Amino acid sequence: MDPLMDECEVFSAGVDDDQQETIKESYAKYRQLVATFPRCTCLSSEFAPLEATFFQHKEHGWINMFPIMVNSLVAQKHFVGRPTDVFVSSLPKSGTVWLKDLVCKITSRGGDLDNKNDLFSPHHKVPFLELQVYASEDNMLDIDSLPSPRLLSTHIPYPSLPASLINSGCPIVYIWRDPKAIFVSDWHFFNNIVPSKLGENIPTIEERFECFCNGYSKFGPYWDHVLGYWNAKKNGANILLIKYEDLTADPVVQLKALAEFLKLPFTEEEEKDNVIKDIVTACSFQMVKDSKMYESGVTKVLHRQIKNTMFLREGKTNDWENYLTPKMAERLDLITIQRFADTDLI
């Protein structure tokens, strides 16, 4: 049996009938509600079908496609958090795959590892709340049966997280990245995963850039997303913020800080045995790109099977220089300086 299919079967055990009916009722309710939210015509045509239309959250202002917005509201209502959960949170294209892999390696070290897990992508092992756990009313993962600690993830902005998640006090690891790099990475991902339909033009990078600067991006505005988690941490939430560029520059220091935050610090013996360096090497960009998981695996997100090759591109911190003009880069830097003033984010 294909281990990837086996993994899906393990995760997709059904919820009980009563809960299923309640969730289906919620899906019907929130589909009607989201349809009343403001449409984001900067990211989708006003004539686009409902499922492909971007909407803006009426209360919290963030933006996403109709089904993801609905899934997020359903998760907000039905997800039951545990203090032992571990959440990886981020904006898309912030280094999420890398962080998930590191969290998996930290929490599983010393246990009996099943080698077949090496064929599963980090998105299999740390599923997204709004993209995989609550993928649709007929496609949900049975995370209630998973042992603790449950490793889960989300792109949902902090103000829209399920209250149960926040109230549980579980650790949330948030990775953020230079907005120039995020924009370029997401631009490539969007063009690869959403091929243009007949007679429909893909927006130019300049058009998308204008949208991004004005706050129109998936799960964005970018600055609001980062500040939401930063402010929550400032106010006492159990959150560790990791900057992608810092993780790239000194992964050993960042990995030790991550392990400490998860209350699974590396012992002196582990350090002597090079466990930290071994994890860094195993999760390195090139090692993952050369793996069987990357070469042949797929991950189900919403209703689509996405090749794992789609989730990794360059893994560099300055690749944006090949796509943005100096004027574009300066504009993003200026917005970031203005928005992150009076914080330790810059």
C-alpha atoms as a PDB file:
ATOM      1  CA  MET A   1       0.000   0.000   0.000  1.00  0.00           C
ATOM      2  CA  ASP A   2       1.163   3.525  -0.792  1.00  0.00           C
ATOM      3  CA  PRO A   3       2.317   4.933   2.578  1.00  0.00           C
ATOM      4  CA  LEU A   4       0.944   8.348   1.659  1.00  0.00           C
ATOM      5  CA  MET A   5      -2.505   6.875   1.125  1.00  0.00           C
ATOM      6  CA  ASP A   6      -2.091   4.916   4.331  1.00  0.00           C
ATOM      7  CA  GLU A   7      -1.339   8.141   6.187  1.00  0.00           C
ATOM      8  CA  CYS A   8      -4.457   9.791   4.772  1.00  0.00           C
ATOM      9  CA  GLU A   9      -6.567   6.856   5.901  1.00  0.00           C
ATOM     10  CA  VAL A  10      -5.134   7.053   9.405  1.00  0.00           C
ATOM     11  CA  PHE A  11      -5.913  10.751   9.692  1.00  0.00           C
ATOM     12  CA  SER A  12      -9.285  10.679   7.960  1.00  0.00           C
ATOM     13  CA  ALA A  13     -11.178   8.423  10.321  1.00  0.00           C
ATOM     14  CA  GLY A  14     -14.633   9.947  10.567  1.00  0.00           C
ATOM     15  CA  VAL A  15     -15.988  12.029  13.386  1.00  0.00           C
ATOM     16  CA  ASP A  16     -19.124  10.781  15.106  1.00  0.00           C
ATOM     17  CA  ASP A  17     -22.489  11.326  13.387  1.00  0.00           C
ATOM     18  CA  ASP A  18     -23.788  13.930  15.847  1.00  0.00           C
ATOM     19  CA  GLN A  19     -20.682  16.067  15.540  1.00  0.00           C
ATOM     20  CA  GLN A  20     -20.657  15.622  11.764  1.00  0.00           C
ATOM     21  CA  GLU A  21     -24.203  16.940  11.522  1.00  0.00           C
ATOM     22  CA  THR A  22     -23.352  19.942  13.690  1.00  0.00           C
ATOM     23  CA  ILE A  23     -20.323  20.745  11.554  1.00  0.00           C
ATOM     24  CA  LYS A  24     -22.378  20.424   8.372  1.00  0.00           C
ATOM     25  CA  GLU A  25     -24.868  22.887   9.809  1.00  0.00           C
ATOM     26  CA  SER A  26     -21.998  25.242  10.574  1.00  0.00           C
ATOM     27  CA  TYR A  27     -20.689  24.930   7.032  1.00  0.00           C
ATOM     28  CA  ALA A  28     -24.093  25.899   5.654  1.00  0.00           C
ATOM     29  CA  LYS A  29     -24.315  28.841   8.057  1.00  0.00           C
ATOM     30  CA  TYR A  30     -20.830  30.180   7.352  1.00  0.00           C
ATOM     31  CA  ARG A  31     -21.100  29.751   3.608  1.00  0.00           C
ATOM     32  CA  GLN A  32     -24.066  32.095   3.734  1.00  0.00           C
ATOM     33  CA  LEU A  33     -22.229  34.483   6.063  1.00  0.00           C
ATOM     34  CA  VAL A  34     -18.974  34.690   4.088  1.00  0.00           C
ATOM     35  CA  ALA A  35     -20.938  35.384   0.904  1.00  0.00           C
ATOM     36  CA  THR A  36     -21.981  38.679   2.559  1.00  0.00           C
ATOM     37  CA  PHE A  37     -18.369  39.719   3.311  1.00  0.00           C
ATOM     38  CA  PRO A  38     -16.730  42.389   1.118  1.00  0.00           C
ATOM     39  CA  ARG A  39     -15.246  40.951  -2.071  1.00  0.00           C
ATOM     40  CA  CYS A  40     -11.584  41.590  -2.813  1.00  0.00           C
ATOM     41  CA  THR A  41     -11.615  42.459  -6.522  1.00  0.00           C
ATOM     42  CA  CYS A  42      -7.879  43.159  -6.408  1.00  0.00           C
ATOM     43  CA  LEU A  43      -7.197  39.416  -6.161  1.00  0.00           C
ATOM     44  CA  SER A  44     -10.187  37.989  -8.018  1.00  0.00           C
ATOM     45  CA  SER A  45     -12.502  39.213 -10.737  1.00  0.00           C
ATOM     46  CA  GLU A  46     -15.940  40.388  -9.705  1.00  0.00           C
ATOM     47  CA  PHE A  47     -17.222  37.762 -12.161  1.00  0.00           C
ATOM     48  CA  ALA A  48     -15.206  34.913 -10.633  1.00  0.00           C
ATOM     49  CA  PRO A  49     -17.199  31.923  -9.338  1.00  0.00           C
ATOM     50  CA  LEU A  50     -17.866  31.951  -5.600  1.00  0.00           C
ATOM     51  CA  GLU A  51     -15.306  29.251  -4.741  1.00  0.00           C
ATOM     52  CA  ALA A  52     -12.551  31.217  -6.505  1.00  0.00           C
ATOM     53  CA  THR A  53     -13.472  34.618  -5.077  1.00  0.00           C
ATOM     54  CA  PHE A  54     -11.404  36.359  -2.401  1.00  0.00           C
ATOM     55  CA  PHE A  55     -13.308  37.864   0.529  1.00  0.00           C
ATOM     56  CA  GLN A  56     -12.296  40.157   3.370  1.00  0.00           C
ATOM     57  CA  HIS A  57     -13.136  39.131   6.918  1.00  0.00           C
ATOM     58  CA  LYS A  58     -15.813  41.560   8.030  1.00  0.00           C
ATOM     59  CA  GLU A  59     -14.521  41.894  11.610  1.00  0.00           C
ATOM     60  CA  HIS A  60     -10.761  41.308  11.434  1.00  0.00           C
ATOM     61  CA  GLY A  61     -10.028  42.534   7.912  1.00  0.00           C
ATOM     62  CA  TRP A  62      -7.887  39.686   6.571  1.00  0.00           C
ATOM     63  CA  ILE A  63      -8.345  38.227   3.107  1.00  0.00           C
ATOM     64  CA  ASN A  64      -8.708  34.793   1.579  1.00  0.00           C
ATOM     65  CA  MET A  65     -10.626  32.662  -0.875  1.00  0.00           C
ATOM     66  CA  PHE A  66     -14.200  31.732  -0.064  1.00  0.00           C
ATOM     67  CA  PRO A  67     -13.685  28.076   0.992  1.00  0.00           C
ATOM     68  CA  ILE A  68     -10.678  28.885   3.200  1.00  0.00           C
ATOM     69  CA  MET A  69     -12.544  31.709   4.911  1.00  0.00           C
ATOM     70  CA  VAL A  70     -15.477  29.342   5.550  1.00  0.00           C
ATOM     71  CA  ASN A  71     -13.164  26.607   6.857  1.00  0.00           C
ATOM     72  CA  SER A  72     -11.501  29.085   9.210  1.00  0.00           C
ATOM     73  CA  LEU A  73     -14.843  30.085  10.722  1.00  0.00           C
ATOM     74  CA  VAL A  74     -15.859  26.446  11.143  1.00  0.00           C
ATOM     75  CA  ALA A  75     -12.532  25.728  12.849  1.00  0.00           C
ATOM     76  CA  GLN A  76     -13.054  28.743  15.081  1.00  0.00           C
ATOM     77  CA  LYS A  77     -16.338  27.271  16.279  1.00  0.00           C
ATOM     78  CA  HIS A  78     -15.564  23.556  16.499  1.00  0.00           C
ATOM     79  CA  PHE A  79     -11.859  23.094  17.228  1.00  0.00           C
ATOM     80  CA  VAL A  80     -11.185  21.912  20.790  1.00  0.00           C
ATOM     81  CA  GLY A  81      -7.682  22.780  21.905  1.00  0.00           C
ATOM     82  CA  ARG A  82      -5.468  20.970  24.378  1.00  0.00           C
ATOM     83  CA  PRO A  83      -2.716  22.510  26.523  1.00  0.00           C
ATOM     84  CA  THR A  84      -0.405  19.846  25.088  1.00  0.00           C
ATOM     85  CA  ASP A  85      -1.031  20.852  21.466  1.00  0.00           C
ATOM     86  CA  VAL A  86       1.839  22.426  19.540  1.00  0.00           C
ATOM     87  CA  PHE A  87       0.891  24.894  16.827  1.00  0.00           C
ATOM     88  CA  VAL A  88       3.073  26.157  13.994  1.00  0.00           C
ATOM     89  CA  SER A  89       1.712  29.429  12.679  1.00  0.00           C
ATOM     90  CA  SER A  90       2.802  31.611   9.781  1.00  0.00           C
ATOM     91  CA  LEU A  91       1.888  33.426   6.642  1.00  0.00           C
ATOM     92  CA  PRO A  92       2.209  31.318   3.490  1.00  0.00           C
ATOM     93  CA  LYS A  93       5.763  31.085   2.119  1.00  0.00           C
ATOM     94  CA  SER A  94       7.428  32.107   5.383  1.00  0.00           C
ATOM     95  CA  GLY A  95       9.444  28.924   5.908  1.00  0.00           C
ATOM     96  CA  THR A  96       6.539  26.874   7.229  1.00  0.00           C
ATOM     97  CA  VAL A  97       7.741  23.553   5.792  1.00  0.00           C
ATOM     98  CA  TRP A  98      11.151  23.983   7.393  1.00  0.00           C
ATOM     99  CA  LEU A  99       9.741  24.901  10.794  1.00  0.00           C
ATOM    100  CA  LYS A 100       7.282  21.997  10.744  1.00  0.00           C
ATOM    101  CA  ASP A 101      10.123  19.611   9.990  1.00  0.00           C
ATOM    102  CA  LEU A 102      12.212  20.992  12.857  1.00  0.00           C
ATOM    103  CA  VAL A 103       9.304  20.747  15.309  1.00  0.00           C
ATOM    104  CA  CYS A 104       8.693  17.133  14.246  1.00  0.00           C
ATOM    105  CA  LYS A 105      12.345  16.237  14.769  1.00  0.00           C
ATOM    106  CA  ILE A 106      12.472  17.913  18.193  1.00  0.00           C
ATOM    107  CA  THR A 107       9.303  16.294  19.531  1.00  0.00           C
ATOM    108  CA  SER A 108      10.042  12.818  18.146  1.00  0.00           C
ATOM    109  CA  ARG A 109      13.704  12.457  19.046  1.00  0.00           C
ATOM    110  CA  GLY A 110      14.453   9.567  21.328  1.00  0.00           C
ATOM    111  CA  GLY A 111      11.320   7.691  20.320  1.00  0.00           C
ATOM    112  CA  ASP A 112      10.728   4.793  17.982  1.00  0.00           C
ATOM    113  CA  LEU A 113      10.619   6.453  14.594  1.00  0.00           C
ATOM    114  CA  ASP A 114       8.842   4.709  11.758  1.00  0.00           C
ATOM    115  CA  ASN A 115      11.030   5.040   8.674  1.00  0.00           C
ATOM    116  CA  LYS A 116       8.027   5.317   6.403  1.00  0.00           C
ATOM    117  CA  ASN A 117       7.360   8.730   7.954  1.00  0.00           C
ATOM    118  CA  ASP A 118      10.280   9.987   5.908  1.00  0.00           C
ATOM    119  CA  LEU A 119       7.982   9.728   2.876  1.00  0.00           C
ATOM    120  CA  PHE A 120       5.428  12.067   4.419  1.00  0.00           C
ATOM    121  CA  SER A 121       5.741  15.789   3.908  1.00  0.00           C
ATOM    122  CA  PRO A 122       5.763  18.076   6.963  1.00  0.00           C
ATOM    123  CA  HIS A 123       2.254  19.125   5.890  1.00  0.00           C
ATOM    124  CA  HIS A 124       1.160  15.509   6.381  1.00  0.00           C
ATOM    125  CA  LYS A 125       2.711  15.307   9.822  1.00  0.00           C
ATOM    126  CA  VAL A 126       1.651  18.795  10.940  1.00  0.00           C
ATOM    127  CA  PRO A 127      -1.651  19.423   9.134  1.00  0.00           C
ATOM    128  CA  PHE A 128      -3.193  22.835   8.594  1.00  0.00           C
ATOM    129  CA  LEU A 129      -6.329  23.551  10.605  1.00  0.00           C
ATOM    130  CA  GLU A 130      -8.122  25.441   7.823  1.00  0.00           C
ATOM    131  CA  LEU A 131      -6.708  23.555   4.823  1.00  0.00           C
ATOM    132  CA  GLN A 132      -6.599  19.931   5.974  1.00  0.00           C
ATOM    133  CA  VAL A 133      -8.285  19.360   9.345  1.00  0.00           C
ATOM    134  CA  TYR A 134     -11.405  21.243   8.239  1.00  0.00           C
ATOM    135  CA  ALA A 135     -10.878  20.881   4.504  1.00  0.00           C
ATOM    136  CA  SER A 136     -14.601  20.738   3.731  1.00  0.00           C
ATOM    137  CA  GLU A 137     -17.811  19.481   5.284  1.00  0.00           C
ATOM    138  CA  ASP A 138     -17.211  16.042   3.751  1.00  0.00           C
ATOM    139  CA  ASN A 139     -13.468  15.934   4.262  1.00  0.00           C
ATOM    140  CA  MET A 140     -12.190  16.396   7.811  1.00  0.00           C
ATOM    141  CA  LEU A 141      -9.342  14.847   9.750  1.00  0.00           C
ATOM    142  CA  ASP A 142     -10.079  13.046  13.007  1.00  0.00           C
ATOM    143  CA  ILE A 143      -7.525  14.865  15.159  1.00  0.00           C
ATOM    144  CA  ASP A 144      -9.449  14.090  18.368  1.00  0.00           C
ATOM    145  CA  SER A 145      -8.105  10.548  18.268  1.00  0.00           C
ATOM    146  CA  LEU A 146      -4.483  11.652  17.919  1.00  0.00           C
ATOM    147  CA  PRO A 147      -2.231  11.207  20.954  1.00  0.00           C
ATOM    148  CA  SER A 148      -0.661  14.206  22.646  1.00  0.00           C
ATOM    149  CA  PRO A 149       1.190  16.237  21.729  1.00  0.00           C
ATOM    150  CA  ARG A 150      -0.794  16.930  18.587  1.00  0.00           C
ATOM    151  CA  LEU A 151       1.300  18.849  16.068  1.00  0.00           C
ATOM    152  CA  LEU A 152      -0.947  21.220  14.127  1.00  0.00           C
ATOM    153  CA  SER A 153      -0.542  24.354  12.053  1.00  0.00           C
ATOM    154  CA  THR A 154      -2.402  27.364  10.738  1.00  0.00           C
ATOM    155  CA  HIS A 155      -2.093  30.477   8.609  1.00  0.00           C
ATOM    156  CA  ILE A 156      -5.089  32.086  10.368  1.00  0.00           C
ATOM    157  CA  PRO A 157      -4.350  35.554  11.844  1.00  0.00           C
ATOM    158  CA  TYR A 158      -4.173  35.600  15.628  1.00  0.00           C
ATOM    159  CA  PRO A 159      -7.444  37.552  16.221  1.00  0.00           C
ATOM    160  CA  SER A 160      -9.378  34.898  14.266  1.00  0.00           C
ATOM    161  CA  LEU A 161      -7.843  31.830  15.920  1.00  0.00           C
ATOM    162  CA  PRO A 162     -10.288  29.516  17.714  1.00  0.00           C
ATOM    163  CA  ALA A 163     -10.837  30.754  21.272  1.00  0.00           C
ATOM    164  CA  SER A 164     -10.303  27.161  22.412  1.00  0.00           C
ATOM    165  CA  LEU A 165      -6.799  27.228  20.935  1.00  0.00           C
ATOM    166  CA  ILE A 166      -5.888  30.517  22.613  1.00  0.00           C
ATOM    167  CA  ASN A 167      -7.461  29.599  25.950  1.00  0.00           C
ATOM    168  CA  SER A 168      -5.646  26.255  26.052  1.00  0.00           C
ATOM    169  CA  GLY A 169      -2.350  28.091  26.507  1.00  0.00           C
ATOM    170  CA  CYS A 170      -0.654  25.639  24.155  1.00  0.00           C
ATOM    171  CA  PRO A 171       2.674  26.737  22.650  1.00  0.00           C
ATOM    172  CA  ILE A 172       2.457  28.556  19.319  1.00  0.00           C
ATOM    173  CA  VAL A 173       5.610  28.858  17.230  1.00  0.00           C
ATOM    174  CA  TYR A 174       5.297  31.694  14.731  1.00  0.00           C
ATOM    175  CA  ILE A 175       7.722  32.079  11.854  1.00  0.00           C
ATOM    176  CA  TRP A 176       7.869  35.309   9.910  1.00  0.00           C
ATOM    177  CA  ARG A 177       9.961  36.511   7.025  1.00  0.00           C
ATOM    178  CA  ASP A 178      11.048  39.584   5.072  1.00  0.00           C
ATOM    179  CA  PRO A 179       7.943  40.642   3.105  1.00  0.00           C
ATOM    180  CA  LYS A 180       9.989  40.994  -0.088  1.00  0.00           C
ATOM    181  CA  ALA A 181      10.866  37.297   0.050  1.00  0.00           C
ATOM    182  CA  ILE A 182       7.307  36.284   0.946  1.00  0.00           C
ATOM    183  CA  PHE A 183       5.856  38.251  -1.941  1.00  0.00           C
ATOM    184  CA  VAL A 184       8.196  36.760  -4.543  1.00  0.00           C
ATOM    185  CA  SER A 185       7.847  33.209  -3.202  1.00  0.00           C
ATOM    186  CA  ASP A 186       4.061  33.441  -3.136  1.00  0.00           C
ATOM    187  CA  TRP A 187       4.068  34.923  -6.637  1.00  0.00           C
ATOM    188  CA  HIS A 188       5.847  31.833  -7.956  1.00  0.00           C
ATOM    189  CA  PHE A 189       3.640  29.464  -5.960  1.00  0.00           C
ATOM    190  CA  PHE A 190       0.455  31.169  -7.179  1.00  0.00           C
ATOM    191  CA  ASN A 191       1.521  30.978 -10.824  1.00  0.00           C
ATOM    192  CA  ASN A 192       2.436  27.301 -10.531  1.00  0.00           C
ATOM    193  CA  ILE A 193      -0.540  26.067  -8.558  1.00  0.00           C
ATOM    194  CA  VAL A 194      -3.263  28.158 -10.201  1.00  0.00           C
ATOM    195  CA  PRO A 195      -2.710  27.896 -13.960  1.00  0.00           C
ATOM    196  CA  SER A 196      -4.666  30.407 -15.983  1.00  0.00           C
ATOM    197  CA  LYS A 197      -7.919  29.259 -17.472  1.00  0.00           C
ATOM    198  CA  LEU A 198      -8.658  29.676 -21.150  1.00  0.00           C
ATOM    199  CA  GLY A 199      -9.151  33.351 -21.862  1.00  0.00           C
ATOM    200  CA  GLU A 200      -8.109  34.417 -18.363  1.00  0.00           C
ATOM    201  CA  ASN A 201      -4.864  36.319 -17.834  1.00  0.00           C
ATOM    202  CA  ILE A 202      -2.589  35.889 -14.826  1.00  0.00           C
ATOM    203  CA  PRO A 203      -1.901  39.309 -13.243  1.00  0.00           C
ATOM    204  CA  THR A 204       1.581  40.703 -13.779  1.00  0.00           C
ATOM    205  CA  ILE A 205       4.052  40.801 -10.912  1.00  0.00           C
ATOM    206  CA  GLU A 206       3.641  44.583 -10.849  1.00  0.00           C
ATOM    207  CA  GLU A 207      -0.132  44.250 -10.424  1.00  0.00           C
ATOM    208  CA  ARG A 208       0.260  41.705  -7.629  1.00  0.00           C
ATOM    209  CA  PHE A 209       2.900  43.858  -5.983  1.00  0.00           C
ATOM    210  CA  GLU A 210       0.519  46.809  -5.879  1.00  0.00           C
ATOM    211  CA  CYS A 211      -2.105  44.603  -4.231  1.00  0.00           C
ATOM    212  CA  PHE A 212       0.408  43.312  -1.669  1.00  0.00           C
ATOM    213  CA  CYS A 213       1.571  46.806  -0.711  1.00  0.00           C
ATOM    214  CA  ASN A 214      -2.059  47.865  -0.241  1.00  0.00           C
ATOM    215  CA  GLY A 215      -2.709  44.936   2.102  1.00  0.00           C
ATOM    216  CA  TYR A 216      -4.406  42.583  -0.352  1.00  0.00           C
ATOM    217  CA  SER A 217      -2.742  39.187   0.031  1.00  0.00           C
ATOM    218  CA  LYS A 218      -3.703  35.710   1.267  1.00  0.00           C
ATOM    219  CA  PHE A 219      -4.261  35.778   5.051  1.00  0.00           C
ATOM    220  CA  GLY A 220      -2.940  39.356   4.921  1.00  0.00           C
ATOM    221  CA  PRO A 221      -2.273  42.226   5.165  1.00  0.00           C
ATOM    222  CA  TYR A 222       1.237  40.930   5.864  1.00  0.00           C
ATOM    223  CA  TRP A 223       2.025  43.531   8.542  1.00  0.00           C
ATOM    224  CA  ASP A 224      -1.248  42.976  10.410  1.00  0.00           C
ATOM    225  CA  HIS A 225      -0.576  39.227  10.496  1.00  0.00           C
ATOM    226  CA  VAL A 226       2.903  39.585  12.009  1.00  0.00           C
ATOM    227  CA  LEU A 227       1.811  42.288  14.441  1.00  0.00           C
ATOM    228  CA  GLY A 228      -1.153  40.198  15.568  1.00  0.00           C
ATOM    229  CA  TYR A 229       1.133  37.445  16.870  1.00  0.00           C
ATOM    230  CA  TRP A 230       3.757  39.907  18.125  1.00  0.00           C
ATOM    231  CA  ASN A 231       1.182  41.843  20.155  1.00  0.00           C
ATOM    232  CA  ALA A 232      -0.303  38.625  21.540  1.00  0.00           C
ATOM    233  CA  LYS A 233       3.145  37.535  22.739  1.00  0.00           C
ATOM    234  CA  LYS A 234       3.727  40.990  24.216  1.00  0.00           C
ATOM    235  CA  ASN A 235       0.478  40.588  26.149  1.00  0.00           C
ATOM    236  CA  GLY A 236       1.484  37.241  27.615  1.00  0.00           C
ATOM    237  CA  ALA A 237       0.421  34.632  25.043  1.00  0.00           C
ATOM    238  CA  ASN A 238       2.549  31.478  24.891  1.00  0.00           C
ATOM    239  CA  ILE A 239       4.186  32.343  21.573  1.00  0.00           C
ATOM    240  CA  LEU A 240       7.739  32.071  20.249  1.00  0.00           C
ATOM    241  CA  LEU A 241       8.539  34.265  17.240  1.00  0.00           C
ATOM    242  CA  ILE A 242      11.278  33.050  14.903  1.00  0.00           C
ATOM    243  CA  LYS A 243      12.471  35.100  11.961  1.00  0.00           C
ATOM    244  CA  TYR A 244      13.276  33.025   8.876  1.00  0.00           C
ATOM    245  CA  GLU A 245      16.419  35.020   8.187  1.00  0.00           C
ATOM    246  CA  ASP A 246      17.683  34.375  11.741  1.00  0.00           C
ATOM    247  CA  LEU A 247      16.961  30.669  11.363  1.00  0.00           C
ATOM    248  CA  THR A 248      18.942  30.641   8.146  1.00  0.00           C
ATOM    249  CA  ALA A 249      21.862  32.566   9.643  1.00  0.00           C
ATOM    250  CA  ASP A 250      22.227  30.455  12.811  1.00  0.00           C
ATOM    251  CA  PRO A 251      19.977  27.379  12.820  1.00  0.00           C
ATOM    252  CA  VAL A 252      21.700  25.793  15.832  1.00  0.00           C
ATOM    253  CA  VAL A 253      20.951  28.744  18.138  1.00  0.00           C
ATOM    254  CA  GLN A 254      17.370  28.989  16.886  1.00  0.00           C
ATOM    255  CA  LEU A 255      16.815  25.236  17.212  1.00  0.00           C
ATOM    256  CA  LYS A 256      18.012  25.255  20.831  1.00  0.00           C
ATOM    257  CA  ALA A 257      15.664  28.166  21.590  1.00  0.00           C
ATOM    258  CA  LEU A 258      12.796  26.287  19.930  1.00  0.00           C
ATOM    259  CA  ALA A 259      13.469  23.144  21.956  1.00  0.00           C
ATOM    260  CA  GLU A 260      13.593  25.182  25.173  1.00  0.00           C
ATOM    261  CA  PHE A 261      10.281  26.834  24.297  1.00  0.00           C
ATOM    262  CA  LEU A 262       8.660  23.440  23.702  1.00  0.00           C
ATOM    263  CA  LYS A 263      10.004  22.296  27.088  1.00  0.00           C
ATOM    264  CA  LEU A 264      12.092  19.656  25.354  1.00  0.00           C
ATOM    265  CA  PRO A 265      15.595  21.109  25.750  1.00  0.00           C
ATOM    266  CA  PHE A 266      18.596  19.299  24.397  1.00  0.00           C
ATOM    267  CA  THR A 267      20.675  17.594  27.054  1.00  0.00           C
ATOM    268  CA  GLU A 268      24.436  17.964  27.343  1.00  0.00           C
ATOM    269  CA  GLU A 269      24.763  14.390  26.144  1.00  0.00           C
ATOM    270  CA  GLU A 270      22.657  15.127  23.058  1.00  0.00           C
ATOM    271  CA  GLU A 271      24.791  18.142  22.288  1.00  0.00           C
ATOM    272  CA  LYS A 272      27.961  16.056  22.623  1.00  0.00           C
ATOM    273  CA  ASP A 273      26.426  13.457  20.314  1.00  0.00           C
ATOM    274  CA  ASN A 274      25.748  16.185  17.716  1.00  0.00           C
ATOM    275  CA  VAL A 275      21.988  15.627  17.844  1.00  0.00           C
ATOM    276  CA  ILE A 276      21.311  19.311  17.172  1.00  0.00           C
ATOM    277  CA  LYS A 277      23.579  19.460  14.152  1.00  0.00           C
ATOM    278  CA  ASP A 278      22.133  16.179  12.867  1.00  0.00           C
ATOM    279  CA  ILE A 279      18.607  17.657  13.017  1.00  0.00           C
ATOM    280  CA  VAL A 280      19.756  20.826  11.249  1.00  0.00           C
ATOM    281  CA  THR A 281      21.362  18.726   8.522  1.00  0.00           C
ATOM    282  CA  ALA A 282      18.363  16.394   8.162  1.00  0.00           C
ATOM    283  CA  CYS A 283      16.021  19.395   7.769  1.00  0.00           C
ATOM    284  CA  SER A 284      18.305  21.384   5.490  1.00  0.00           C
ATOM    285  CA  PHE A 285      16.868  22.629   2.215  1.00  0.00           C
ATOM    286  CA  GLN A 286      19.132  20.500   0.044  1.00  0.00           C
ATOM    287  CA  MET A 287      18.599  17.343   2.115  1.00  0.00           C
ATOM    288  CA  VAL A 288      14.813  17.709   1.845  1.00  0.00           C
ATOM    289  CA  LYS A 289      15.013  18.449  -1.889  1.00  0.00           C
ATOM    290  CA  ASP A 290      17.029  15.265  -2.390  1.00  0.00           C
ATOM    291  CA  SER A 291      14.607  13.113  -0.376  1.00  0.00           C
ATOM    292  CA  LYS A 292      12.116  10.551  -1.696  1.00  0.00           C
ATOM    293  CA  MET A 293       9.339  12.539  -0.040  1.00  0.00           C
ATOM    294  CA  TYR A 294      10.169  15.568  -2.144  1.00  0.00           C
ATOM    295  CA  GLU A 295      10.686  13.656  -5.372  1.00  0.00           C
ATOM    296  CA  SER A 296       7.566  11.485  -5.361  1.00  0.00           C
ATOM    297  CA  GLY A 297       5.208  12.600  -2.605  1.00  0.00           C
ATOM    298  CA  VAL A 298       1.936  14.494  -2.691  1.00  0.00           C
ATOM    299  CA  THR A 299      -0.033  16.324  -0.009  1.00  0.00           C
ATOM    300  CA  LYS A 300      -3.779  16.810   0.012  1.00  0.00           C
ATOM    301  CA  VAL A 301      -4.760  20.432   0.609  1.00  0.00           C
ATOM    302  CA  LEU A 302      -8.468  21.269   0.429  1.00  0.00           C
ATOM    303  CA  HIS A 303      -9.681  19.181  -2.515  1.00  0.00           C
ATOM    304  CA  ARG A 304      -6.362  19.043  -4.381  1.00  0.00           C
ATOM    305  CA  GLN A 305      -3.422  16.682  -4.394  1.00  0.00           C
ATOM    306  CA  ILE A 306      -0.355  18.935  -4.569  1.00  0.00           C
ATOM    307  CA  LYS A 307       3.078  17.618  -5.437  1.00  0.00           C
ATOM    308  CA  ASN A 308       5.540  18.180  -2.621  1.00  0.00           C
ATOM    309  CA  THR A 309       7.911  19.764  -5.141  1.00  0.00           C
ATOM    310  CA  MET A 310       5.518  22.734  -5.162  1.00  0.00           C
ATOM    311  CA  PHE A 311       6.238  23.640  -1.553  1.00  0.00           C
ATOM    312  CA  LEU A 312       9.967  24.291  -1.976  1.00  0.00           C
ATOM    313  CA  ARG A 313      11.641  26.594  -4.482  1.00  0.00           C
ATOM    314  CA  GLU A 314      14.983  28.267  -3.659  1.00  0.00           C
ATOM    315  CA  GLY A 315      15.183  28.494   0.134  1.00  0.00           C
ATOM    316  CA  LYS A 316      17.330  31.612  -0.159  1.00  0.00           C
ATOM    317  CA  THR A 317      17.005  34.866   1.783  1.00  0.00           C
ATOM    318  CA  ASN A 318      17.816  37.241  -1.085  1.00  0.00           C
ATOM    319  CA  ASP A 319      16.267  35.636  -4.169  1.00  0.00           C
ATOM    320  CA  TRP A 320      13.782  38.510  -4.278  1.00  0.00           C
ATOM    321  CA  GLU A 321      16.543  40.671  -5.740  1.00  0.00           C
ATOM    322  CA  ASN A 322      16.082  38.793  -9.028  1.00  0.00           C
ATOM    323  CA  TYR A 323      12.447  39.880  -9.321  1.00  0.00           C
ATOM    324  CA  LEU A 324      11.911  43.211  -7.567  1.00  0.00           C
ATOM    325  CA  THR A 325      13.281  46.503  -8.791  1.00  0.00           C
ATOM    326  CA  PRO A 326      15.196  48.651  -6.284  1.00  0.00           C
ATOM    327  CA  LYS A 327      12.216  51.006  -6.204  1.00  0.00           C
ATOM    328  CA  MET A 328       9.816  48.145  -5.371  1.00  0.00           C
ATOM    329  CA  ALA A 329      12.118  46.856  -2.623  1.00  0.00           C
ATOM    330  CA  GLU A 330      12.488  50.342  -1.169  1.00  0.00           C
ATOM    331  CA  ARG A 331       8.712  50.763  -1.073  1.00  0.00           C
ATOM    332  CA  LEU A 332       8.191  47.528   0.855  1.00  0.00           C
ATOM    333  CA  ASP A 333      11.025  48.356   3.257  1.00  0.00           C
ATOM    334  CA  LEU A 334       9.522  51.770   3.963  1.00  0.00           C
ATOM    335  CA  ILE A 335       6.079  50.324   4.704  1.00  0.00           C
ATOM    336  CA  THR A 336       7.652  47.737   6.992  1.00  0.00           C
ATOM    337  CA  ILE A 337       9.646  50.355   8.902  1.00  0.00           C
ATOM    338  CA  GLN A 338       6.511  52.441   9.362  1.00  0.00           C
ATOM    339  CA  ARG A 339       4.282  49.555  10.413  1.00  0.00           C
ATOM    340  CA  PHE A 340       6.843  47.906  12.716  1.00  0.00           C
ATOM    341  CA  ALA A 341       7.912  51.117  14.422  1.00  0.00           C
ATOM    342  CA  ASP A 342       8.094  50.790  18.229  1.00  0.00           C
ATOM    343  CA  THR A 343       8.551  47.008  18.013  1.00  0.00           C
ATOM    344  CA  ASP A 344      11.621  44.767  18.092  1.00  0.00           C
ATOM    345  CA  LEU A 345      10.737  43.316  14.684  1.00  0.00           C
ATOM    346  CA  ILE A 346      13.206  45.544  12.803  1.00  0.00           C
END
